[in-house]
Amino acid sequence: MDMNQMMRQAQKMQKNLAKAQDEIKDMTNEATAGGGMVKAVVGGDMSLKSLTINPEAVDPDDVEMLQDMVMAAVNEALRGMEEMSENRLSSVTGGMNIPGLM
């Protein structure tokens, strides 16, 4: 493989990576906790987009349980988004670990 061909391949990968990163920004991942009592949706930028709490989950005598459900839903949504992002980028890089990419 000559140097020009390698440069073309690198440029193509860079273009595909930029496209994948743009696609990731538009992705969302949803997770629930407490049997669906709490729902969290995170975006590809790893920010919380929405949080829905079923009124039945609100018990003034057990605020800790609600807090636990919120944390569980948000953390699971974030883990799922991270996995989705890694899978999308891996499809472009062929599984190569490129430092600083994510």
Protein backbone atom coordinates (compact mmCIF):
# COMPACT_ATOMS: atom_id res chain seq x y z
CA MET A 1 0.00 0.00 0.00
CA ASP A 2 1.47 3.33 -0.99
CA MET A 3 1.41 6.50 1.08
CA ASN A 4 -1.27 8.22 -1.06
CA GLN A 5 -3.61 5.29 -0.62
CA MET A 6 -3.02 5.29 3.14
CA MET A 7 -3.77 9.02 3.29
CA ARG A 8 -7.01 8.53 1.32
CA GLN A 9 -8.07 5.77 3.69
CA ALA A 10 -7.25 7.91 6.72
CA GLN A 11 -9.25 10.83 5.29
CA LYS A 12 -12.19 8.53 4.56
CA MET A 13 -12.09 7.17 8.13
CA GLN A 14 -11.92 10.71 9.51
CA LYS A 15 -14.98 11.69 7.45
CA ASN A 16 -16.86 8.58 8.61
CA LEU A 17 -15.92 9.27 12.23
CA ALA A 18 -17.23 12.82 12.01
CA LYS A 19 -20.48 11.48 10.55
CA ALA A 20 -20.77 8.88 13.32
CA GLN A 21 -20.14 11.51 16.00
CA ASP A 22 -22.89 13.69 14.50
CA GLU A 23 -25.25 10.70 14.50
CA ILE A 24 -24.41 9.97 18.14
CA LYS A 25 -25.35 13.54 19.12
CA ASP A 26 -28.88 12.85 17.84
CA MET A 27 -29.24 9.49 19.60
CA THR A 28 -31.21 9.00 22.80
CA ASN A 29 -31.36 6.12 25.24
CA GLU A 30 -34.15 5.44 27.70
CA ALA A 31 -34.04 3.41 30.90
CA THR A 32 -36.56 2.75 33.64
CA ALA A 33 -36.39 1.76 37.28
CA GLY A 34 -38.89 0.59 39.85
CA GLY A 35 -40.95 -1.33 37.33
CA GLY A 36 -41.31 1.72 35.11
CA MET A 37 -42.09 4.14 37.93
CA VAL A 38 -39.10 6.30 36.94
CA LYS A 39 -37.98 6.85 33.35
CA ALA A 40 -34.81 8.67 32.29
CA VAL A 41 -33.84 9.65 28.75
CA VAL A 42 -30.28 10.72 27.97
CA GLY A 43 -28.87 12.16 24.79
CA GLY A 44 -25.75 11.33 22.85
CA ASP A 45 -24.02 14.25 24.53
CA MET A 46 -24.49 12.34 27.82
CA SER A 47 -26.97 14.88 29.17
CA LEU A 48 -30.27 14.06 30.84
CA LYS A 49 -32.99 15.00 28.34
CA SER A 50 -36.02 14.04 30.39
CA LEU A 51 -36.99 12.46 33.67
CA THR A 52 -40.49 11.12 34.28
CA ILE A 53 -41.69 10.07 37.71
CA ASN A 54 -45.00 8.27 38.11
CA PRO A 55 -46.95 10.04 40.88
CA GLU A 56 -47.47 6.65 42.54
CA ALA A 57 -43.72 6.50 43.15
CA VAL A 58 -43.84 9.60 45.34
CA ASP A 59 -44.09 8.49 48.95
CA PRO A 60 -43.18 11.25 51.43
CA ASP A 61 -42.31 8.57 53.96
CA ASP A 62 -39.80 6.87 51.62
CA VAL A 63 -37.95 9.57 49.72
CA GLU A 64 -34.81 7.39 49.68
CA MET A 65 -36.52 4.79 47.50
CA LEU A 66 -37.49 7.45 44.95
CA GLN A 67 -33.95 8.84 44.99
CA ASP A 68 -32.57 5.33 44.41
CA MET A 69 -34.95 4.75 41.50
CA VAL A 70 -33.99 8.07 39.90
CA MET A 71 -30.28 7.32 40.23
CA ALA A 72 -30.76 3.79 38.88
CA ALA A 73 -32.72 4.97 35.84
CA VAL A 74 -30.29 7.78 35.01
CA ASN A 75 -27.20 5.62 35.46
CA GLU A 76 -28.65 2.82 33.34
CA ALA A 77 -29.61 5.27 30.59
CA LEU A 78 -26.08 6.72 30.64
CA ARG A 79 -24.51 3.25 30.49
CA GLY A 80 -26.73 2.33 27.57
CA MET A 81 -25.86 5.51 25.70
CA GLU A 82 -22.17 4.95 26.27
CA GLU A 83 -22.50 1.43 24.87
CA MET A 84 -24.49 2.68 21.86
CA SER A 85 -21.85 5.35 21.19
CA GLU A 86 -18.99 2.88 21.47
CA ASN A 87 -20.75 0.44 19.13
CA ARG A 88 -21.38 3.14 16.53
CA LEU A 89 -17.79 4.38 16.62
CA SER A 90 -16.45 0.82 16.61
CA SER A 91 -18.36 0.16 13.40
CA VAL A 92 -16.35 2.97 11.78
CA THR A 93 -12.95 2.24 13.30
CA GLY A 94 -13.17 -1.52 12.96
CA GLY A 95 -12.65 -1.87 16.69
CA MET A 96 -9.41 0.11 16.77
CA ASN A 97 -8.98 2.08 19.98
CA ILE A 98 -8.27 5.65 18.97
CA PRO A 99 -7.18 7.75 21.98
CA GLY A 100 -9.27 10.83 22.63
CA LEU A 101 -12.17 9.70 20.45
CA MET A 102 -14.66 9.20 23.26
